[in-house]
Amino acid sequence: MSKKKLIRITTIPLSLDKLLSGQLHFMNAFYDVIAVSSDNAYLQKIGNKEKTRTFSLAMSRKITPFLDLVAVVQLFLFLKKEKPLVVHSHTPKAGIVAMLAAKLARVPIRLHTVAGLPLMETNGPKRKLLEAVEKVTYSCATRIYPNSRGLFDFLVTNEFIAENKMKVIGNGSSNGIDTAYFSPDKISETQQKYLRISLGIQNDDFVFVFVGRLVGDKGINELVLAFKNANQHNKRLKLLLVGTPEMDLDPLQAVTQLEIAHHKNIISVGFQEDIRPYLAISDALVFPSYREGFPNVVLQAGAMGLPAIVTNINGCNEIIKDGQNGIIIPVKNSDAIEKVFFKLMKDKQLFKFLQSNARPMITSRFEQKEIWKLLRAEYQELETAWLKK
């Protein structure tokens, strides 16, 4: 008996690759999985890695109504041909395109995961437009999966969708964390030594690391300002930035760009395929984002044994328990970041306590394979309910 088809779709392949790594391959044991995204060359690499079929669909993260309509039509025709049982989308643009096309093609099970909402940091007409798009996405879906309890509450409170149409899988997260891969013992002392030397990091430096896009809504402007002020009082403080800017979508302030480029204790290494070595040579993660769904990097850093400084937003405040495996600070507050820098550096007892809890509090709640099993069970439950109709 042939396997039923499951289509997983994101706006850009990076989301399939980094946010859902391994999950498509796992599901391929039970379904004929097809990965759909833009950028065919990158998508093909993901298909090879995950052992799934692919379908390239031109999509943009920007507001492009005409191109989006073309994408809906192309996906509709593809769905009519493939006749999948399930279409499961991630990211806002892929969500509206996939759920509209799947509804029109009468796909029985139409699922969308909400993993952060750009509209949270938008005002005026643009916010109204983004809200309308989200509501259309949710109305076309048969079930919505906020990937954090905070997002669930936000959607209910703001009347985006009825509570009984949503569900959080497990303790949250879209993919959990592979704690065998993200483990301190995977990076040898020798590797760490040579990486530190190459980056000019001394053994007695205290390294705060940020991993992610270097954009405004990740709190990079506040982070760099806080670091600049703190470093004037302690030259052993280092800031390691792992990620790339997005000048077209959310550029950093000019003064922030200059500090990153010229400050001798800010080390910017760009995008890295494997972030584990950079986490291994760091002391703590700092992640002052304005909005998130359920940030993978906080899970990854925790699994590598790093306590985290995070802002008091959904997802972050569900992974980090204040004073247990990290410290929670207000959003958009450089003074708060600066104070925590000094707190963790000076209070060695507190730092060691947070550090000792960092990995256990991830492994006990967010093991990747458990998330996959729960999602597989969810698909089975929905399929059973559909067959009974």
Protein backbone atom coordinates (compact mmCIF):
# COMPACT_ATOMS: atom_id res chain seq x y z
CA MET A 1 0.00 0.00 0.00
CA SER A 2 1.44 3.36 -1.03
CA LYS A 3 2.09 5.96 1.62
CA LYS A 4 -0.16 9.01 1.84
CA LYS A 5 1.44 12.30 0.86
CA LEU A 6 2.56 14.97 3.29
CA ILE A 7 3.66 18.35 1.98
CA ARG A 8 5.79 20.62 4.21
CA ILE A 9 6.22 24.19 2.98
CA THR A 10 8.25 27.20 4.11
CA THR A 11 8.95 30.53 2.40
CA ILE A 12 12.70 29.98 2.17
CA PRO A 13 14.66 26.70 2.29
CA LEU A 14 16.73 27.90 5.25
CA SER A 15 13.66 27.39 7.43
CA LEU A 16 13.31 23.77 6.30
CA ASP A 17 17.03 23.25 6.78
CA LYS A 18 17.60 24.89 10.15
CA LEU A 19 14.20 25.06 11.86
CA LEU A 20 12.96 21.60 10.85
CA SER A 21 16.23 19.71 10.42
CA GLY A 22 15.72 15.95 10.51
CA GLN A 23 11.97 16.12 10.89
CA LEU A 24 11.14 15.57 7.22
CA HIS A 25 13.39 12.51 7.11
CA PHE A 26 11.65 11.12 10.21
CA MET A 27 8.21 11.66 8.68
CA ASN A 28 9.32 10.05 5.44
CA ALA A 29 9.12 6.67 7.17
CA PHE A 30 5.35 7.14 7.43
CA TYR A 31 4.45 9.43 4.52
CA ASP A 32 5.57 10.33 1.04
CA VAL A 33 7.02 13.69 2.07
CA ILE A 34 7.44 16.57 -0.38
CA ALA A 35 9.37 19.68 0.65
CA VAL A 36 8.18 22.92 -0.96
CA SER A 37 10.04 26.23 -0.84
CA SER A 38 11.80 28.83 -2.98
CA ASP A 39 15.42 28.78 -4.20
CA ASN A 40 15.53 25.52 -6.10
CA ALA A 41 19.28 24.92 -5.73
CA TYR A 42 19.19 25.14 -1.93
CA LEU A 43 15.93 23.19 -1.83
CA GLN A 44 17.51 20.33 -3.78
CA LYS A 45 20.27 20.05 -1.17
CA ILE A 46 17.64 19.76 1.56
CA GLY A 47 15.77 17.13 -0.43
CA ASN A 48 18.95 15.08 -0.72
CA LYS A 49 19.74 15.48 2.99
CA GLU A 50 16.22 14.65 4.18
CA LYS A 51 15.61 11.98 1.50
CA THR A 52 12.42 13.69 0.30
CA ARG A 53 11.02 14.91 -2.98
CA THR A 54 10.96 18.66 -3.58
CA PHE A 55 8.93 21.24 -5.47
CA SER A 56 10.33 24.72 -6.03
CA LEU A 57 7.88 27.60 -5.65
CA ALA A 58 8.93 31.23 -6.02
CA MET A 59 8.03 33.14 -2.83
CA SER A 60 9.34 36.28 -1.16
CA ARG A 61 9.32 37.35 2.48
CA LYS A 62 8.34 40.83 1.33
CA ILE A 63 4.79 42.03 0.59
CA THR A 64 4.34 41.09 -3.08
CA PRO A 65 0.61 40.56 -3.82
CA PHE A 66 0.91 39.77 -7.54
CA LEU A 67 3.75 37.29 -7.09
CA ASP A 68 1.92 35.74 -4.15
CA LEU A 69 -1.17 35.20 -6.30
CA VAL A 70 0.98 33.51 -8.93
CA ALA A 71 2.44 31.26 -6.21
CA VAL A 72 -1.06 30.33 -4.99
CA VAL A 73 -2.09 29.30 -8.52
CA GLN A 74 1.09 27.29 -9.10
CA LEU A 75 0.76 25.52 -5.78
CA PHE A 76 -2.95 24.85 -6.37
CA LEU A 77 -2.12 23.10 -9.66
CA PHE A 78 0.63 21.10 -7.95
CA LEU A 79 -1.70 20.01 -5.15
CA LYS A 80 -4.42 18.97 -7.58
CA LYS A 81 -1.85 16.78 -9.31
CA GLU A 82 -0.29 15.27 -6.16
CA LYS A 83 -3.49 14.94 -4.04
CA PRO A 84 -1.78 15.04 -0.61
CA LEU A 85 -3.52 14.06 2.62
CA VAL A 86 -1.73 16.79 4.60
CA VAL A 87 -0.29 20.20 3.80
CA HIS A 88 1.66 21.67 6.72
CA SER A 89 3.08 25.17 6.37
CA HIS A 90 5.51 27.29 8.39
CA THR A 91 6.40 31.01 8.17
CA PRO A 92 3.83 33.73 7.36
CA LYS A 93 4.14 33.99 3.57
CA ALA A 94 4.21 30.23 3.04
CA GLY A 95 1.23 30.02 5.38
CA ILE A 96 -1.09 32.24 3.36
CA VAL A 97 0.03 30.73 0.04
CA ALA A 98 -0.21 27.13 1.25
CA MET A 99 -3.48 27.38 3.16
CA LEU A 100 -5.27 29.24 0.34
CA ALA A 101 -4.04 26.80 -2.30
CA ALA A 102 -4.76 23.75 -0.12
CA LYS A 103 -8.28 24.98 0.68
CA LEU A 104 -9.01 25.56 -3.01
CA ALA A 105 -7.55 22.15 -3.89
CA ARG A 106 -9.67 20.52 -1.14
CA VAL A 107 -6.74 19.00 0.71
CA PRO A 108 -8.33 17.22 3.70
CA ILE A 109 -5.85 18.21 6.44
CA ARG A 110 -4.45 21.75 6.28
CA LEU A 111 -2.05 22.69 9.08
CA HIS A 112 -0.05 25.81 9.83
CA THR A 113 2.56 26.36 12.53
CA VAL A 114 2.85 29.87 13.97
CA ALA A 115 6.43 30.51 15.00
CA GLY A 116 6.67 34.23 15.58
CA LEU A 117 4.58 37.07 14.19
CA PRO A 118 6.27 40.03 12.42
CA LEU A 119 3.06 42.03 12.98
CA MET A 120 3.91 42.25 16.70
CA GLU A 121 6.52 44.89 15.84
CA THR A 122 4.42 46.69 13.21
CA ASN A 123 1.91 49.53 13.43
CA GLY A 124 -0.61 51.36 11.28
CA PRO A 125 -1.89 50.13 7.90
CA LYS A 126 0.89 47.55 7.54
CA ARG A 127 -0.16 45.89 10.81
CA LYS A 128 -3.79 45.79 9.72
CA LEU A 129 -2.74 44.16 6.47
CA LEU A 130 -0.59 41.55 8.24
CA GLU A 131 -3.40 40.81 10.72
CA ALA A 132 -5.84 40.31 7.84
CA VAL A 133 -3.42 37.94 6.12
CA GLU A 134 -2.94 35.88 9.29
CA LYS A 135 -6.71 35.62 9.80
CA VAL A 136 -7.20 34.40 6.23
CA THR A 137 -4.44 31.82 6.77
CA TYR A 138 -6.07 30.55 9.96
CA SER A 139 -9.56 30.46 8.45
CA CYS A 140 -8.32 28.25 5.58
CA ALA A 141 -6.47 25.87 7.91
CA THR A 142 -8.07 22.94 9.68
CA ARG A 143 -5.73 23.36 12.68
CA ILE A 144 -3.17 25.89 13.87
CA TYR A 145 -0.08 25.10 15.95
CA PRO A 146 1.42 28.03 17.86
CA ASN A 147 4.88 26.82 18.81
CA SER A 148 4.72 28.43 22.25
CA ARG A 149 2.11 28.92 24.95
CA GLY A 150 2.67 32.67 24.75
CA LEU A 151 1.75 32.74 21.07
CA PHE A 152 -1.31 30.60 21.81
CA ASP A 153 -2.48 33.14 24.40
CA PHE A 154 -1.71 36.08 22.09
CA LEU A 155 -3.82 34.64 19.28
CA VAL A 156 -6.74 33.94 21.61
CA THR A 157 -6.57 37.30 23.41
CA ASN A 158 -6.45 39.23 20.14
CA GLU A 159 -9.25 37.12 18.63
CA PHE A 160 -7.30 35.82 15.67
CA ILE A 161 -8.75 32.34 16.00
CA ALA A 162 -10.94 30.20 18.24
CA GLU A 163 -9.08 28.43 21.03
CA ASN A 164 -10.43 25.00 20.06
CA LYS A 165 -8.80 25.24 16.63
CA MET A 166 -5.28 25.47 18.11
CA LYS A 167 -2.84 23.21 19.90
CA VAL A 168 0.70 23.51 21.28
CA ILE A 169 2.75 20.37 20.60
CA GLY A 170 4.48 19.15 23.76
CA ASN A 171 6.17 21.93 25.73
CA GLY A 172 6.49 24.07 22.62
CA SER A 173 9.02 24.36 19.76
CA SER A 174 8.58 23.40 16.10
CA ASN A 175 11.32 20.79 16.13
CA GLY A 176 12.74 20.32 19.62
CA ILE A 177 16.49 19.96 19.98
CA ASP A 178 18.87 17.12 19.15
CA THR A 179 20.63 17.03 22.50
CA ALA A 180 23.10 14.36 21.32
CA TYR A 181 24.30 16.70 18.56
CA PHE A 182 24.16 19.87 20.64
CA SER A 183 26.32 18.62 23.46
CA PRO A 184 29.45 20.19 25.01
CA ASP A 185 31.45 17.00 24.60
CA LYS A 186 31.11 17.17 20.79
CA ILE A 187 33.63 20.01 20.59
CA SER A 188 37.10 19.00 21.78
CA GLU A 189 39.36 21.14 23.94
CA THR A 190 41.76 21.32 21.02
CA GLN A 191 39.08 22.66 18.69
CA GLN A 192 38.09 25.23 21.27
CA LYS A 193 41.68 26.28 21.86
CA TYR A 194 42.42 26.93 18.19
CA LEU A 195 39.12 28.72 17.59
CA ARG A 196 39.78 31.01 20.54
CA ILE A 197 43.27 31.77 19.24
CA SER A 198 41.96 32.49 15.72
CA LEU A 199 39.40 34.93 17.11
CA GLY A 200 41.75 36.61 19.57
CA ILE A 201 39.90 35.41 22.65
CA GLN A 202 41.99 34.94 25.79
CA ASN A 203 41.37 32.25 28.39
CA ASP A 204 40.30 34.80 31.00
CA ASP A 205 37.89 36.65 28.69
CA PHE A 206 34.17 36.40 29.45
CA VAL A 207 32.39 35.81 26.16
CA PHE A 208 28.75 36.64 25.52
CA VAL A 209 27.50 35.17 22.25
CA PHE A 210 24.55 36.10 20.04
CA VAL A 211 23.41 33.76 17.27
CA GLY A 212 20.87 34.84 14.69
CA ARG A 213 20.08 37.51 12.13
CA LEU A 214 21.80 40.80 12.90
CA VAL A 215 18.66 42.93 12.62
CA GLY A 216 16.83 45.52 14.69
CA ASP A 217 14.05 43.30 16.00
CA LYS A 218 16.59 40.86 17.43
CA GLY A 219 17.69 43.63 19.80
CA ILE A 220 21.12 44.08 18.23
CA ASN A 221 21.07 47.88 18.53
CA GLU A 222 20.48 47.64 22.29
CA LEU A 223 22.94 44.77 22.64
CA VAL A 224 25.80 46.60 20.97
CA LEU A 225 25.15 49.78 22.96
CA ALA A 226 25.09 47.81 26.22
CA PHE A 227 28.30 46.03 25.30
CA LYS A 228 30.07 49.25 24.34
CA ASN A 229 29.23 50.79 27.72
CA ALA A 230 30.10 47.68 29.71
CA ASN A 231 33.38 47.12 27.89
CA GLN A 232 34.61 50.55 28.91
CA HIS A 233 34.70 49.24 32.49
CA ASN A 234 35.94 45.71 31.77
CA LYS A 235 38.18 45.00 28.77
CA ARG A 236 37.99 41.23 29.38
CA LEU A 237 34.43 41.29 28.10
CA LYS A 238 33.94 40.01 24.55
CA LEU A 239 30.86 39.95 22.32
CA LEU A 240 30.71 37.22 19.67
CA LEU A 241 28.14 37.73 16.90
CA VAL A 242 27.24 34.71 14.78
CA GLY A 243 24.93 35.69 11.94
CA THR A 244 24.45 38.07 9.04
CA PRO A 245 22.61 41.40 8.67
CA GLU A 246 19.54 41.88 6.49
CA MET A 247 19.94 45.34 5.04
CA ASP A 248 16.78 45.20 2.93
CA LEU A 249 14.32 44.05 5.61
CA ASP A 250 15.42 45.32 9.02
CA PRO A 251 18.75 47.16 8.87
CA LEU A 252 20.68 48.06 11.98
CA GLN A 253 21.26 51.67 12.97
CA ALA A 254 24.32 53.20 11.31
CA VAL A 255 26.04 53.69 14.68
CA THR A 256 25.51 50.01 15.48
CA GLN A 257 27.01 48.93 12.17
CA LEU A 258 30.07 51.08 12.83
CA GLU A 259 30.56 49.61 16.32
CA ILE A 260 30.35 46.06 14.98
CA ALA A 261 32.84 46.87 12.25
CA HIS A 262 35.39 48.71 14.37
CA HIS A 263 35.09 47.74 18.05
CA LYS A 264 38.09 45.55 18.85
CA ASN A 265 36.16 43.41 21.36
CA ILE A 266 33.16 42.74 19.12
CA ILE A 267 33.87 39.67 17.02
CA SER A 268 31.50 39.16 14.08
CA VAL A 269 31.97 35.86 12.24
CA GLY A 270 28.95 35.90 9.92
CA PHE A 271 26.75 32.91 9.19
CA GLN A 272 28.14 29.59 10.35
CA GLU A 273 26.88 26.21 9.19
CA ASP A 274 27.87 24.69 12.54
CA ILE A 275 27.37 27.04 15.49
CA ARG A 276 28.44 24.53 18.16
CA PRO A 277 32.13 25.53 18.26
CA TYR A 278 31.14 29.16 18.81
CA LEU A 279 28.78 28.22 21.61
CA ALA A 280 31.47 25.98 23.11
CA ILE A 281 33.97 28.85 23.48
CA SER A 282 31.35 31.21 24.96
CA ASP A 283 30.22 31.67 28.55
CA ALA A 284 26.63 32.79 28.08
CA LEU A 285 24.09 33.46 25.34
CA VAL A 286 22.56 36.91 25.08
CA PHE A 287 19.35 37.03 23.04
CA PRO A 288 17.52 40.37 23.43
CA SER A 289 14.89 39.78 20.74
CA TYR A 290 11.68 41.84 20.48
CA ARG A 291 9.53 38.92 19.36
CA GLU A 292 9.87 35.19 18.83
CA GLY A 293 7.87 32.05 18.38
CA PHE A 294 10.09 29.51 20.09
CA PRO A 295 13.74 30.36 19.43
CA ASN A 296 15.88 27.38 18.51
CA VAL A 297 19.11 29.11 19.44
CA VAL A 298 18.07 29.37 23.09
CA LEU A 299 17.46 25.62 23.08
CA GLN A 300 20.77 24.99 21.31
CA ALA A 301 22.79 27.17 23.65
CA GLY A 302 21.16 25.57 26.68
CA ALA A 303 21.93 22.10 25.37
CA MET A 304 25.56 23.21 25.00
CA GLY A 305 25.56 24.18 28.68
CA LEU A 306 25.21 27.95 28.33
CA PRO A 307 22.93 30.01 30.57
CA ALA A 308 21.01 32.64 28.61
CA ILE A 309 20.04 36.28 28.95
CA VAL A 310 16.70 36.61 27.16
CA THR A 311 13.95 39.18 26.91
CA ASN A 312 10.58 38.68 28.55
CA ILE A 313 8.73 37.52 25.43
CA ASN A 314 6.87 34.35 24.58
CA GLY A 315 9.08 31.38 23.76
CA CYS A 316 12.12 32.84 25.50
CA ASN A 317 10.34 33.04 28.85
CA GLU A 318 9.11 29.47 28.42
CA ILE A 319 12.57 28.01 27.80
CA ILE A 320 14.37 30.14 30.38
CA LYS A 321 13.24 30.15 34.00
CA ASP A 322 14.52 33.36 35.57
CA GLY A 323 17.30 32.66 38.06
CA GLN A 324 17.42 28.95 37.23
CA ASN A 325 18.94 28.48 33.79
CA GLY A 326 19.26 32.12 32.78
CA ILE A 327 18.06 35.64 33.39
CA ILE A 328 15.02 37.35 31.89
CA ILE A 329 15.19 41.08 31.15
CA PRO A 330 12.80 43.70 29.71
CA VAL A 331 12.51 44.20 25.95
CA LYS A 332 14.36 47.08 24.25
CA ASN A 333 16.39 47.94 27.34
CA SER A 334 20.15 48.34 26.88
CA ASP A 335 20.63 49.29 30.54
CA ALA A 336 19.16 45.95 31.62
CA ILE A 337 21.52 44.08 29.29
CA GLU A 338 24.50 46.00 30.65
CA LYS A 339 23.55 45.26 34.26
CA VAL A 340 23.24 41.54 33.57
CA PHE A 341 26.63 41.51 31.85
CA PHE A 342 28.22 42.69 35.09
CA LYS A 343 26.00 40.48 37.27
CA LEU A 344 27.06 37.27 35.55
CA MET A 345 30.72 38.26 35.43
CA LYS A 346 30.94 39.30 39.09
CA ASP A 347 28.61 36.79 40.78
CA LYS A 348 30.51 33.58 40.07
CA GLN A 349 28.24 31.53 42.34
CA LEU A 350 25.15 32.61 40.42
CA PHE A 351 26.84 31.98 37.08
CA LYS A 352 27.89 28.45 38.09
CA PHE A 353 24.37 27.70 39.33
CA LEU A 354 22.75 28.86 36.08
CA GLN A 355 25.37 26.97 34.09
CA SER A 356 24.74 23.74 36.01
CA ASN A 357 21.04 23.88 35.17
CA ALA A 358 21.36 24.95 31.54
CA ARG A 359 21.61 21.57 29.82
CA PRO A 360 19.40 19.48 32.15
CA MET A 361 16.52 21.95 31.79
CA ILE A 362 16.64 21.50 28.00
CA THR A 363 17.13 17.74 27.80
CA SER A 364 14.23 17.09 30.18
CA ARG A 365 11.69 19.18 28.26
CA PHE A 366 12.60 19.57 24.59
CA GLU A 367 14.18 16.38 23.28
CA GLN A 368 13.76 16.44 19.50
CA LYS A 369 12.60 12.88 18.89
CA GLU A 370 9.84 13.29 21.47
CA ILE A 371 8.52 16.34 19.59
CA TRP A 372 8.59 14.36 16.34
CA LYS A 373 6.65 11.50 17.91
CA LEU A 374 4.03 13.87 19.27
CA LEU A 375 3.60 15.50 15.86
CA ARG A 376 3.35 12.10 14.16
CA ALA A 377 0.64 11.14 16.68
CA GLU A 378 -1.16 14.40 15.87
CA TYR A 379 -1.16 13.57 12.14
CA GLN A 380 -2.54 10.10 12.92
CA GLU A 381 -5.30 11.54 15.10
CA LEU A 382 -6.33 14.01 12.40
CA GLU A 383 -6.27 11.30 9.73
CA THR A 384 -8.46 9.03 11.87
CA ALA A 385 -10.95 11.85 12.44
CA TRP A 386 -11.03 12.62 8.70
CA LEU A 387 -11.66 8.97 7.77
CA LYS A 388 -14.63 8.87 10.16
CA LYS A 389 -16.37 11.76 8.44
